[in-house]
Amino acid sequence: MTGDTARSTDENAEGANAADSAVGPSRAQIDRELKSVLCDVLGLEPSVVAEFDNETGLFGHIPELDSMAVAGLLTEMEDRLDILIEDDDVDGEMLETYGGLLAFAEAKVIEG
């Protein structure tokens, strides 16, 4: 590889990294952080949470996620994802499945 080619490749990589950070976290990053929040707040085993998919039931399906735990979950999501969740944002649909919660988190991250 010539010096010019190597420099061009480095510049492209730097540009891609800058673009990635300007866009915000990826879906995969939000997914990882959200699963980490569920483990930490609800005391769930990481191996169990790692298996969550879009159809995995949450509220009403996971005993640890009761009405008292919802407030802690939302507060921790705000802190770790740097989002603001208003009271009127919260509904049963967003907490029904992991996919619903992930979609909600993604929308809030994009919203800024």
PDB file of N, CA and C in Angstrom:
ATOM      1  N   MET A   1       0.858  -1.171   0.000  1.00  0.00           N
ATOM      2  CA  MET A   1       0.000   0.000   0.000  1.00  0.00           C
ATOM      3  C   MET A   1       0.903   1.231   0.000  1.00  0.00           C
ATOM      4  N   THR A   2       0.603   2.196  -0.824  1.00  0.00           N
ATOM      5  CA  THR A   2       1.429   3.397  -0.877  1.00  0.00           C
ATOM      6  C   THR A   2       1.048   4.322   0.258  1.00  0.00           C
ATOM      7  N   GLY A   3       1.890   5.312   0.505  1.00  0.00           N
ATOM      8  CA  GLY A   3       1.616   6.276   1.576  1.00  0.00           C
ATOM      9  C   GLY A   3       0.319   7.018   1.349  1.00  0.00           C
ATOM     10  N   ASP A   4       0.051   7.396   0.085  1.00  0.00           N
ATOM     11  CA  ASP A   4      -1.177   8.132  -0.220  1.00  0.00           C
ATOM     12  C   ASP A   4      -2.411   7.269   0.012  1.00  0.00           C
ATOM     13  N   THR A   5      -2.326   5.991  -0.374  1.00  0.00           N
ATOM     14  CA  THR A   5      -3.457   5.086  -0.176  1.00  0.00           C
ATOM     15  C   THR A   5      -3.717   4.868   1.300  1.00  0.00           C
ATOM     16  N   ALA A   6      -2.659   4.671   2.081  1.00  0.00           N
ATOM     17  CA  ALA A   6      -2.816   4.461   3.522  1.00  0.00           C
ATOM     18  C   ALA A   6      -3.431   5.693   4.174  1.00  0.00           C
ATOM     19  N   ARG A   7      -2.949   6.878   3.757  1.00  0.00           N
ATOM     20  CA  ARG A   7      -3.464   8.121   4.323  1.00  0.00           C
ATOM     21  C   ARG A   7      -4.942   8.281   3.969  1.00  0.00           C
ATOM     22  N   SER A   8      -5.301   7.972   2.723  1.00  0.00           N
ATOM     23  CA  SER A   8      -6.683   8.071   2.281  1.00  0.00           C
ATOM     24  C   SER A   8      -7.580   7.120   3.064  1.00  0.00           C
ATOM     25  N   THR A   9      -7.089   5.896   3.308  1.00  0.00           N
ATOM     26  CA  THR A   9      -7.852   4.915   4.078  1.00  0.00           C
ATOM     27  C   THR A   9      -8.056   5.403   5.504  1.00  0.00           C
ATOM     28  N   ASP A  10      -7.010   5.960   6.118  1.00  0.00           N
ATOM     29  CA  ASP A  10      -7.118   6.490   7.474  1.00  0.00           C
ATOM     30  C   ASP A  10      -8.117   7.637   7.533  1.00  0.00           C
ATOM     31  N   GLU A  11      -8.051   8.530   6.531  1.00  0.00           N
ATOM     32  CA  GLU A  11      -8.972   9.661   6.509  1.00  0.00           C
ATOM     33  C   GLU A  11     -10.407   9.190   6.356  1.00  0.00           C
ATOM     34  N   ASN A  12     -10.640   8.177   5.525  1.00  0.00           N
ATOM     35  CA  ASN A  12     -11.990   7.630   5.359  1.00  0.00           C
ATOM     36  C   ASN A  12     -12.499   7.025   6.653  1.00  0.00           C
ATOM     37  N   ALA A  13     -11.630   6.311   7.366  1.00  0.00           N
ATOM     38  CA  ALA A  13     -12.020   5.702   8.637  1.00  0.00           C
ATOM     39  C   ALA A  13     -12.364   6.778   9.651  1.00  0.00           C
ATOM     40  N   GLU A  14     -11.553   7.839   9.702  1.00  0.00           N
ATOM     41  CA  GLU A  14     -11.827   8.924  10.637  1.00  0.00           C
ATOM     42  C   GLU A  14     -13.148   9.597  10.293  1.00  0.00           C
ATOM     43  N   GLY A  15     -13.403   9.805   9.012  1.00  0.00           N
ATOM     44  CA  GLY A  15     -14.662  10.410   8.587  1.00  0.00           C
ATOM     45  C   GLY A  15     -15.853   9.556   8.946  1.00  0.00           C
ATOM     46  N   ALA A  16     -15.717   8.248   8.800  1.00  0.00           N
ATOM     47  CA  ALA A  16     -16.809   7.331   9.152  1.00  0.00           C
ATOM     48  C   ALA A  16     -17.070   7.373  10.643  1.00  0.00           C
ATOM     49  N   ASN A  17     -16.010   7.401  11.452  1.00  0.00           N
ATOM     50  CA  ASN A  17     -16.180   7.471  12.909  1.00  0.00           C
ATOM     51  C   ASN A  17     -16.848   8.771  13.309  1.00  0.00           C
ATOM     52  N   ALA A  18     -16.460   9.874  12.697  1.00  0.00           N
ATOM     53  CA  ALA A  18     -17.078  11.151  13.002  1.00  0.00           C
ATOM     54  C   ALA A  18     -18.555  11.133  12.614  1.00  0.00           C
ATOM     55  N   ALA A  19     -18.857  10.534  11.471  1.00  0.00           N
ATOM     56  CA  ALA A  19     -20.255  10.453  11.036  1.00  0.00           C
ATOM     57  C   ALA A  19     -21.061   9.591  11.987  1.00  0.00           C
ATOM     58  N   ASP A  20     -20.482   8.476  12.441  1.00  0.00           N
ATOM     59  CA  ASP A  20     -21.184   7.600  13.371  1.00  0.00           C
ATOM     60  C   ASP A  20     -21.526   8.327  14.661  1.00  0.00           C
ATOM     61  N   SER A  21     -20.575   9.089  15.210  1.00  0.00           N
ATOM     62  CA  SER A  21     -20.821   9.761  16.470  1.00  0.00           C
ATOM     63  C   SER A  21     -21.804  10.914  16.293  1.00  0.00           C
ATOM     64  N   ALA A  22     -21.836  11.524  15.098  1.00  0.00           N
ATOM     65  CA  ALA A  22     -22.772  12.607  14.848  1.00  0.00           C
ATOM     66  C   ALA A  22     -24.196  12.083  14.768  1.00  0.00           C
ATOM     67  N   VAL A  23     -24.362  10.860  14.295  1.00  0.00           N
ATOM     68  CA  VAL A  23     -25.682  10.262  14.152  1.00  0.00           C
ATOM     69  C   VAL A  23     -26.207   9.783  15.499  1.00  0.00           C
ATOM     70  N   GLY A  24     -25.329   9.379  16.375  1.00  0.00           N
ATOM     71  CA  GLY A  24     -25.724   8.861  17.670  1.00  0.00           C
ATOM     72  C   GLY A  24     -25.516   7.370  17.718  1.00  0.00           C
ATOM     73  N   PRO A  25     -25.954   6.778  18.820  1.00  0.00           N
ATOM     74  CA  PRO A  25     -25.732   5.344  18.974  1.00  0.00           C
ATOM     75  C   PRO A  25     -26.534   4.531  17.959  1.00  0.00           C
ATOM     76  N   SER A  26     -25.976   3.406  17.582  1.00  0.00           N
ATOM     77  CA  SER A  26     -26.652   2.513  16.646  1.00  0.00           C
ATOM     78  C   SER A  26     -27.739   1.731  17.367  1.00  0.00           C
ATOM     79  N   ARG A  27     -28.565   1.065  16.585  1.00  0.00           N
ATOM     80  CA  ARG A  27     -29.611   0.208  17.152  1.00  0.00           C
ATOM     81  C   ARG A  27     -28.979  -0.859  18.036  1.00  0.00           C
ATOM     82  N   ALA A  28     -27.852  -1.419  17.597  1.00  0.00           N
ATOM     83  CA  ALA A  28     -27.174  -2.455  18.382  1.00  0.00           C
ATOM     84  C   ALA A  28     -26.669  -1.901  19.710  1.00  0.00           C
ATOM     85  N   GLN A  29     -26.162  -0.676  19.697  1.00  0.00           N
ATOM     86  CA  GLN A  29     -25.684  -0.067  20.936  1.00  0.00           C
ATOM     87  C   GLN A  29     -26.844   0.194  21.897  1.00  0.00           C
ATOM     88  N   ILE A  30     -27.948   0.686  21.377  1.00  0.00           N
ATOM     89  CA  ILE A  30     -29.130   0.933  22.211  1.00  0.00           C
ATOM     90  C   ILE A  30     -29.643  -0.388  22.758  1.00  0.00           C
ATOM     91  N   ASP A  31     -29.670  -1.414  21.931  1.00  0.00           N
ATOM     92  CA  ASP A  31     -30.102  -2.749  22.345  1.00  0.00           C
ATOM     93  C   ASP A  31     -29.236  -3.259  23.506  1.00  0.00           C
ATOM     94  N   ARG A  32     -27.922  -3.156  23.364  1.00  0.00           N
ATOM     95  CA  ARG A  32     -27.007  -3.609  24.430  1.00  0.00           C
ATOM     96  C   ARG A  32     -27.226  -2.832  25.718  1.00  0.00           C
ATOM     97  N   GLU A  33     -27.373  -1.523  25.604  1.00  0.00           N
ATOM     98  CA  GLU A  33     -27.551  -0.692  26.792  1.00  0.00           C
ATOM     99  C   GLU A  33     -28.886  -0.987  27.463  1.00  0.00           C
ATOM    100  N   LEU A  34     -29.923  -1.166  26.664  1.00  0.00           N
ATOM    101  CA  LEU A  34     -31.242  -1.462  27.217  1.00  0.00           C
ATOM    102  C   LEU A  34     -31.235  -2.809  27.931  1.00  0.00           C
ATOM    103  N   LYS A  35     -30.585  -3.795  27.359  1.00  0.00           N
ATOM    104  CA  LYS A  35     -30.486  -5.100  28.020  1.00  0.00           C
ATOM    105  C   LYS A  35     -29.690  -5.000  29.313  1.00  0.00           C
ATOM    106  N   SER A  36     -28.672  -4.177  29.320  1.00  0.00           N
ATOM    107  CA  SER A  36     -27.890  -3.949  30.531  1.00  0.00           C
ATOM    108  C   SER A  36     -28.750  -3.292  31.614  1.00  0.00           C
ATOM    109  N   VAL A  37     -29.572  -2.333  31.222  1.00  0.00           N
ATOM    110  CA  VAL A  37     -30.478  -1.675  32.156  1.00  0.00           C
ATOM    111  C   VAL A  37     -31.440  -2.697  32.756  1.00  0.00           C
ATOM    112  N   LEU A  38     -32.010  -3.551  31.928  1.00  0.00           N
ATOM    113  CA  LEU A  38     -32.945  -4.571  32.426  1.00  0.00           C
ATOM    114  C   LEU A  38     -32.266  -5.501  33.425  1.00  0.00           C
ATOM    115  N   CYS A  39     -31.037  -5.887  33.136  1.00  0.00           N
ATOM    116  CA  CYS A  39     -30.293  -6.745  34.069  1.00  0.00           C
ATOM    117  C   CYS A  39     -30.074  -6.033  35.399  1.00  0.00           C
ATOM    118  N   ASP A  40     -29.599  -4.804  35.316  1.00  0.00           N
ATOM    119  CA  ASP A  40     -29.237  -4.067  36.527  1.00  0.00           C
ATOM    120  C   ASP A  40     -30.443  -3.674  37.369  1.00  0.00           C
ATOM    121  N   VAL A  41     -31.483  -3.169  36.740  1.00  0.00           N
ATOM    122  CA  VAL A  41     -32.650  -2.681  37.476  1.00  0.00           C
ATOM    123  C   VAL A  41     -33.502  -3.827  38.007  1.00  0.00           C
ATOM    124  N   LEU A  42     -33.681  -4.855  37.191  1.00  0.00           N
ATOM    125  CA  LEU A  42     -34.571  -5.949  37.578  1.00  0.00           C
ATOM    126  C   LEU A  42     -33.842  -7.130  38.199  1.00  0.00           C
ATOM    127  N   GLY A  43     -32.518  -7.114  38.152  1.00  0.00           N
ATOM    128  CA  GLY A  43     -31.749  -8.217  38.718  1.00  0.00           C
ATOM    129  C   GLY A  43     -31.851  -9.492  37.896  1.00  0.00           C
ATOM    130  N   LEU A  44     -32.055  -9.342  36.598  1.00  0.00           N
ATOM    131  CA  LEU A  44     -32.171 -10.506  35.718  1.00  0.00           C
ATOM    132  C   LEU A  44     -30.780 -10.984  35.299  1.00  0.00           C
ATOM    133  N   GLU A  45     -30.664 -12.256  35.021  1.00  0.00           N
ATOM    134  CA  GLU A  45     -29.403 -12.832  34.571  1.00  0.00           C
ATOM    135  C   GLU A  45     -29.102 -12.362  33.144  1.00  0.00           C
ATOM    136  N   PRO A  46     -27.879 -11.906  32.902  1.00  0.00           N
ATOM    137  CA  PRO A  46     -27.515 -11.454  31.550  1.00  0.00           C
ATOM    138  C   PRO A  46     -27.754 -12.519  30.479  1.00  0.00           C
ATOM    139  N   SER A  47     -27.543 -13.781  30.816  1.00  0.00           N
ATOM    140  CA  SER A  47     -27.750 -14.844  29.820  1.00  0.00           C
ATOM    141  C   SER A  47     -29.226 -14.961  29.430  1.00  0.00           C
ATOM    142  N   VAL A  48     -30.114 -14.675  30.354  1.00  0.00           N
ATOM    143  CA  VAL A  48     -31.549 -14.706  30.075  1.00  0.00           C
ATOM    144  C   VAL A  48     -31.923 -13.510  29.198  1.00  0.00           C
ATOM    145  N   VAL A  49     -31.458 -12.327  29.593  1.00  0.00           N
ATOM    146  CA  VAL A  49     -31.792 -11.103  28.868  1.00  0.00           C
ATOM    147  C   VAL A  49     -31.171 -11.108  27.467  1.00  0.00           C
ATOM    148  N   ALA A  50     -30.033 -11.730  27.310  1.00  0.00           N
ATOM    149  CA  ALA A  50     -29.377 -11.809  25.997  1.00  0.00           C
ATOM    150  C   ALA A  50     -30.268 -12.507  24.979  1.00  0.00           C
ATOM    151  N   GLU A  51     -31.156 -13.359  25.440  1.00  0.00           N
ATOM    152  CA  GLU A  51     -32.064 -14.096  24.548  1.00  0.00           C
ATOM    153  C   GLU A  51     -33.328 -13.319  24.193  1.00  0.00           C
ATOM    154  N   PHE A  52     -33.537 -12.138  24.796  1.00  0.00           N
ATOM    155  CA  PHE A  52     -34.733 -11.342  24.502  1.00  0.00           C
ATOM    156  C   PHE A  52     -34.736 -10.956  23.026  1.00  0.00           C
ATOM    157  N   ASP A  53     -35.913 -11.094  22.407  1.00  0.00           N
ATOM    158  CA  ASP A  53     -36.091 -10.619  21.040  1.00  0.00           C
ATOM    159  C   ASP A  53     -37.312  -9.696  21.016  1.00  0.00           C
ATOM    160  N   ASN A  54     -37.699  -9.268  19.833  1.00  0.00           N
ATOM    161  CA  ASN A  54     -38.805  -8.312  19.723  1.00  0.00           C
ATOM    162  C   ASN A  54     -40.106  -8.810  20.327  1.00  0.00           C
ATOM    163  N   GLU A  55     -40.308 -10.116  20.343  1.00  0.00           N
ATOM    164  CA  GLU A  55     -41.570 -10.686  20.827  1.00  0.00           C
ATOM    165  C   GLU A  55     -41.550 -11.064  22.310  1.00  0.00           C
ATOM    166  N   THR A  56     -40.429 -10.932  22.966  1.00  0.00           N
ATOM    167  CA  THR A  56     -40.327 -11.303  24.376  1.00  0.00           C
ATOM    168  C   THR A  56     -41.232 -10.400  25.205  1.00  0.00           C
ATOM    169  N   GLY A  57     -42.138 -11.016  25.949  1.00  0.00           N
ATOM    170  CA  GLY A  57     -43.053 -10.265  26.794  1.00  0.00           C
ATOM    171  C   GLY A  57     -42.347  -9.676  27.995  1.00  0.00           C
ATOM    172  N   LEU A  58     -42.717  -8.452  28.355  1.00  0.00           N
ATOM    173  CA  LEU A  58     -42.114  -7.794  29.519  1.00  0.00           C
ATOM    174  C   LEU A  58     -43.157  -7.624  30.623  1.00  0.00           C
ATOM    175  N   PHE A  59     -43.827  -6.483  30.640  1.00  0.00           N
ATOM    176  CA  PHE A  59     -44.766  -6.196  31.717  1.00  0.00           C
ATOM    177  C   PHE A  59     -45.895  -7.220  31.707  1.00  0.00           C
ATOM    178  N   GLY A  60     -46.085  -7.879  32.822  1.00  0.00           N
ATOM    179  CA  GLY A  60     -47.089  -8.932  32.914  1.00  0.00           C
ATOM    180  C   GLY A  60     -46.528 -10.306  32.611  1.00  0.00           C
ATOM    181  N   HIS A  61     -45.302 -10.360  32.110  1.00  0.00           N
ATOM    182  CA  HIS A  61     -44.667 -11.628  31.773  1.00  0.00           C
ATOM    183  C   HIS A  61     -43.433 -11.893  32.639  1.00  0.00           C
ATOM    184  N   ILE A  62     -42.781 -10.833  33.056  1.00  0.00           N
ATOM    185  CA  ILE A  62     -41.591 -10.950  33.895  1.00  0.00           C
ATOM    186  C   ILE A  62     -41.981 -10.453  35.290  1.00  0.00           C
ATOM    187  N   PRO A  63     -42.001 -11.337  36.282  1.00  0.00           N
ATOM    188  CA  PRO A  63     -42.450 -10.942  37.616  1.00  0.00           C
ATOM    189  C   PRO A  63     -41.671  -9.763  38.209  1.00  0.00           C
ATOM    190  N   GLU A  64     -40.399  -9.653  37.871  1.00  0.00           N
ATOM    191  CA  GLU A  64     -39.577  -8.569  38.414  1.00  0.00           C
ATOM    192  C   GLU A  64     -39.988  -7.197  37.887  1.00  0.00           C
ATOM    193  N   LEU A  65     -40.651  -7.171  36.728  1.00  0.00           N
ATOM    194  CA  LEU A  65     -41.086  -5.901  36.146  1.00  0.00           C
ATOM    195  C   LEU A  65     -42.528  -5.628  36.559  1.00  0.00           C
ATOM    196  N   ASP A  66     -42.641  -5.121  37.783  1.00  0.00           N
ATOM    197  CA  ASP A  66     -43.961  -4.747  38.283  1.00  0.00           C
ATOM    198  C   ASP A  66     -44.082  -3.222  38.213  1.00  0.00           C
ATOM    199  N   SER A  67     -45.200  -2.701  38.681  1.00  0.00           N
ATOM    200  CA  SER A  67     -45.438  -1.262  38.569  1.00  0.00           C
ATOM    201  C   SER A  67     -44.396  -0.445  39.329  1.00  0.00           C
ATOM    202  N   MET A  68     -43.881  -0.972  40.410  1.00  0.00           N
ATOM    203  CA  MET A  68     -42.843  -0.261  41.166  1.00  0.00           C
ATOM    204  C   MET A  68     -41.524  -0.233  40.398  1.00  0.00           C
ATOM    205  N   ALA A  69     -41.215  -1.291  39.694  1.00  0.00           N
ATOM    206  CA  ALA A  69     -39.953  -1.380  38.958  1.00  0.00           C
ATOM    207  C   ALA A  69     -39.951  -0.518  37.696  1.00  0.00           C
ATOM    208  N   VAL A  70     -41.132  -0.212  37.165  1.00  0.00           N
ATOM    209  CA  VAL A  70     -41.212   0.580  35.937  1.00  0.00           C
ATOM    210  C   VAL A  70     -40.541   1.939  36.131  1.00  0.00           C
ATOM    211  N   ALA A  71     -40.802   2.596  37.245  1.00  0.00           N
ATOM    212  CA  ALA A  71     -40.208   3.913  37.499  1.00  0.00           C
ATOM    213  C   ALA A  71     -38.682   3.828  37.510  1.00  0.00           C
ATOM    214  N   GLY A  72     -38.135   2.826  38.172  1.00  0.00           N
ATOM    215  CA  GLY A  72     -36.687   2.648  38.198  1.00  0.00           C
ATOM    216  C   GLY A  72     -36.122   2.353  36.828  1.00  0.00           C
ATOM    217  N   LEU A  73     -36.840   1.542  36.064  1.00  0.00           N
ATOM    218  CA  LEU A  73     -36.417   1.198  34.712  1.00  0.00           C
ATOM    219  C   LEU A  73     -36.356   2.448  33.834  1.00  0.00           C
ATOM    220  N   LEU A  74     -37.398   3.254  33.882  1.00  0.00           N
ATOM    221  CA  LEU A  74     -37.458   4.456  33.047  1.00  0.00           C
ATOM    222  C   LEU A  74     -36.397   5.476  33.463  1.00  0.00           C
ATOM    223  N   THR A  75     -36.186   5.619  34.753  1.00  0.00           N
ATOM    224  CA  THR A  75     -35.165   6.547  35.247  1.00  0.00           C
ATOM    225  C   THR A  75     -33.777   6.117  34.783  1.00  0.00           C
ATOM    226  N   GLU A  76     -33.499   4.840  34.879  1.00  0.00           N
ATOM    227  CA  GLU A  76     -32.193   4.333  34.440  1.00  0.00           C
ATOM    228  C   GLU A  76     -32.025   4.454  32.931  1.00  0.00           C
ATOM    229  N   MET A  77     -33.092   4.251  32.171  1.00  0.00           N
ATOM    230  CA  MET A  77     -33.035   4.450  30.723  1.00  0.00           C
ATOM    231  C   MET A  77     -32.700   5.906  30.405  1.00  0.00           C
ATOM    232  N   GLU A  78     -33.324   6.829  31.121  1.00  0.00           N
ATOM    233  CA  GLU A  78     -33.029   8.244  30.911  1.00  0.00           C
ATOM    234  C   GLU A  78     -31.552   8.538  31.142  1.00  0.00           C
ATOM    235  N   ASP A  79     -31.029   8.031  32.244  1.00  0.00           N
ATOM    236  CA  ASP A  79     -29.631   8.283  32.602  1.00  0.00           C
ATOM    237  C   ASP A  79     -28.661   7.683  31.595  1.00  0.00           C
ATOM    238  N   ARG A  80     -28.847   6.437  31.255  1.00  0.00           N
ATOM    239  CA  ARG A  80     -27.873   5.744  30.409  1.00  0.00           C
ATOM    240  C   ARG A  80     -27.988   6.075  28.930  1.00  0.00           C
ATOM    241  N   LEU A  81     -29.199   6.377  28.478  1.00  0.00           N
ATOM    242  CA  LEU A  81     -29.388   6.686  27.062  1.00  0.00           C
ATOM    243  C   LEU A  81     -29.429   8.192  26.797  1.00  0.00           C
ATOM    244  N   ASP A  82     -29.317   8.970  27.870  1.00  0.00           N
ATOM    245  CA  ASP A  82     -29.335  10.428  27.773  1.00  0.00           C
ATOM    246  C   ASP A  82     -30.594  10.907  27.054  1.00  0.00           C
ATOM    247  N   ILE A  83     -31.741  10.443  27.571  1.00  0.00           N
ATOM    248  CA  ILE A  83     -33.034  10.813  27.004  1.00  0.00           C
ATOM    249  C   ILE A  83     -33.919  11.369  28.103  1.00  0.00           C
ATOM    250  N   LEU A  84     -35.013  11.989  27.725  1.00  0.00           N
ATOM    251  CA  LEU A  84     -36.008  12.472  28.665  1.00  0.00           C
ATOM    252  C   LEU A  84     -37.322  11.770  28.360  1.00  0.00           C
ATOM    253  N   ILE A  85     -37.876  11.098  29.365  1.00  0.00           N
ATOM    254  CA  ILE A  85     -39.140  10.393  29.201  1.00  0.00           C
ATOM    255  C   ILE A  85     -40.204  11.145  29.991  1.00  0.00           C
ATOM    256  N   GLU A  86     -41.174  11.679  29.279  1.00  0.00           N
ATOM    257  CA  GLU A  86     -42.280  12.401  29.915  1.00  0.00           C
ATOM    258  C   GLU A  86     -43.333  11.390  30.369  1.00  0.00           C
ATOM    259  N   ASP A  87     -44.115  11.772  31.365  1.00  0.00           N
ATOM    260  CA  ASP A  87     -45.162  10.886  31.871  1.00  0.00           C
ATOM    261  C   ASP A  87     -46.118  10.442  30.766  1.00  0.00           C
ATOM    262  N   ASP A  88     -46.465  11.357  29.862  1.00  0.00           N
ATOM    263  CA  ASP A  88     -47.428  11.001  28.811  1.00  0.00           C
ATOM    264  C   ASP A  88     -46.807  10.146  27.706  1.00  0.00           C
ATOM    265  N   ASP A  89     -45.480   9.916  27.755  1.00  0.00           N
ATOM    266  CA  ASP A  89     -44.816   9.012  26.817  1.00  0.00           C
ATOM    267  C   ASP A  89     -45.036   7.549  27.186  1.00  0.00           C
ATOM    268  N   VAL A  90     -45.330   7.317  28.449  1.00  0.00           N
ATOM    269  CA  VAL A  90     -45.380   5.953  28.981  1.00  0.00           C
ATOM    270  C   VAL A  90     -46.774   5.372  28.796  1.00  0.00           C
ATOM    271  N   ASP A  91     -46.821   4.205  28.161  1.00  0.00           N
ATOM    272  CA  ASP A  91     -48.087   3.486  28.029  1.00  0.00           C
ATOM    273  C   ASP A  91     -47.819   1.987  28.069  1.00  0.00           C
ATOM    274  N   GLY A  92     -48.863   1.234  28.175  1.00  0.00           N
ATOM    275  CA  GLY A  92     -48.730  -0.217  28.271  1.00  0.00           C
ATOM    276  C   GLY A  92     -48.120  -0.846  27.038  1.00  0.00           C
ATOM    277  N   GLU A  93     -48.340  -0.264  25.880  1.00  0.00           N
ATOM    278  CA  GLU A  93     -47.834  -0.833  24.637  1.00  0.00           C
ATOM    279  C   GLU A  93     -46.307  -0.836  24.599  1.00  0.00           C
ATOM    280  N   MET A  94     -45.686   0.232  25.077  1.00  0.00           N
ATOM    281  CA  MET A  94     -44.221   0.306  25.044  1.00  0.00           C
ATOM    282  C   MET A  94     -43.575  -0.684  26.005  1.00  0.00           C
ATOM    283  N   LEU A  95     -44.304  -1.100  27.010  1.00  0.00           N
ATOM    284  CA  LEU A  95     -43.771  -2.035  28.002  1.00  0.00           C
ATOM    285  C   LEU A  95     -44.219  -3.472  27.769  1.00  0.00           C
ATOM    286  N   GLU A  96     -45.053  -3.678  26.763  1.00  0.00           N
ATOM    287  CA  GLU A  96     -45.618  -5.002  26.512  1.00  0.00           C
ATOM    288  C   GLU A  96     -44.567  -6.015  26.064  1.00  0.00           C
ATOM    289  N   THR A  97     -43.693  -5.598  25.142  1.00  0.00           N
ATOM    290  CA  THR A  97     -42.664  -6.506  24.629  1.00  0.00           C
ATOM    291  C   THR A  97     -41.311  -5.805  24.625  1.00  0.00           C
ATOM    292  N   TYR A  98     -40.266  -6.607  24.545  1.00  0.00           N
ATOM    293  CA  TYR A  98     -38.926  -6.030  24.449  1.00  0.00           C
ATOM    294  C   TYR A  98     -38.802  -5.200  23.172  1.00  0.00           C
ATOM    295  N   GLY A  99     -39.366  -5.658  22.086  1.00  0.00           N
ATOM    296  CA  GLY A  99     -39.324  -4.913  20.834  1.00  0.00           C
ATOM    297  C   GLY A  99     -39.983  -3.549  20.960  1.00  0.00           C
ATOM    298  N   GLY A 100     -41.090  -3.487  21.693  1.00  0.00           N
ATOM    299  CA  GLY A 100     -41.769  -2.219  21.924  1.00  0.00           C
ATOM    300  C   GLY A 100     -40.922  -1.259  22.739  1.00  0.00           C
ATOM    301  N   LEU A 101     -40.261  -1.792  23.761  1.00  0.00           N
ATOM    302  CA  LEU A 101     -39.402  -0.958  24.604  1.00  0.00           C
ATOM    303  C   LEU A 101     -38.183  -0.485  23.821  1.00  0.00           C
ATOM    304  N   LEU A 102     -37.614  -1.359  23.009  1.00  0.00           N
ATOM    305  CA  LEU A 102     -36.461  -0.990  22.193  1.00  0.00           C
ATOM    306  C   LEU A 102     -36.841   0.080  21.174  1.00  0.00           C
ATOM    307  N   ALA A 103     -37.975  -0.084  20.520  1.00  0.00           N
ATOM    308  CA  ALA A 103     -38.432   0.916  19.545  1.00  0.00           C
ATOM    309  C   ALA A 103     -38.663   2.264  20.229  1.00  0.00           C
ATOM    310  N   PHE A 104     -39.238   2.238  21.421  1.00  0.00           N
ATOM    311  CA  PHE A 104     -39.455   3.462  22.186  1.00  0.00           C
ATOM    312  C   PHE A 104     -38.120   4.132  22.506  1.00  0.00           C
ATOM    313  N   ALA A 105     -37.157   3.340  22.990  1.00  0.00           N
ATOM    314  CA  ALA A 105     -35.848   3.881  23.340  1.00  0.00           C
ATOM    315  C   ALA A 105     -35.164   4.489  22.117  1.00  0.00           C
ATOM    316  N   GLU A 106     -35.237   3.797  20.994  1.00  0.00           N
ATOM    317  CA  GLU A 106     -34.637   4.303  19.748  1.00  0.00           C
ATOM    318  C   GLU A 106     -35.267   5.638  19.346  1.00  0.00           C
ATOM    319  N   ALA A 107     -36.578   5.719  19.412  1.00  0.00           N
ATOM    320  CA  ALA A 107     -37.272   6.946  19.036  1.00  0.00           C
ATOM    321  C   ALA A 107     -36.862   8.094  19.938  1.00  0.00           C
ATOM    322  N   LYS A 108     -36.722   7.825  21.218  1.00  0.00           N
ATOM    323  CA  LYS A 108     -36.321   8.866  22.161  1.00  0.00           C
ATOM    324  C   LYS A 108     -34.885   9.323  21.920  1.00  0.00           C
ATOM    325  N   VAL A 109     -34.001   8.391  21.586  1.00  0.00           N
ATOM    326  CA  VAL A 109     -32.616   8.745  21.293  1.00  0.00           C
ATOM    327  C   VAL A 109     -32.562   9.626  20.047  1.00  0.00           C
ATOM    328  N   ILE A 110     -33.320   9.266  19.022  1.00  0.00           N
ATOM    329  CA  ILE A 110     -33.349  10.041  17.783  1.00  0.00           C
ATOM    330  C   ILE A 110     -33.936  11.430  18.043  1.00  0.00           C
ATOM    331  N   GLU A 111     -34.984  11.452  18.870  1.00  0.00           N
ATOM    332  CA  GLU A 111     -35.656  12.701  19.214  1.00  0.00           C
ATOM    333  C   GLU A 111     -34.683  13.668  19.900  1.00  0.00           C
ATOM    334  N   GLY A 112     -33.759  13.074  20.654  1.00  0.00           N
ATOM    335  CA  GLY A 112     -32.747  13.875  21.340  1.00  0.00           C
ATOM    336  C   GLY A 112     -33.279  14.400  22.581  1.00  0.00           C
TER     337      GLY A 112
END
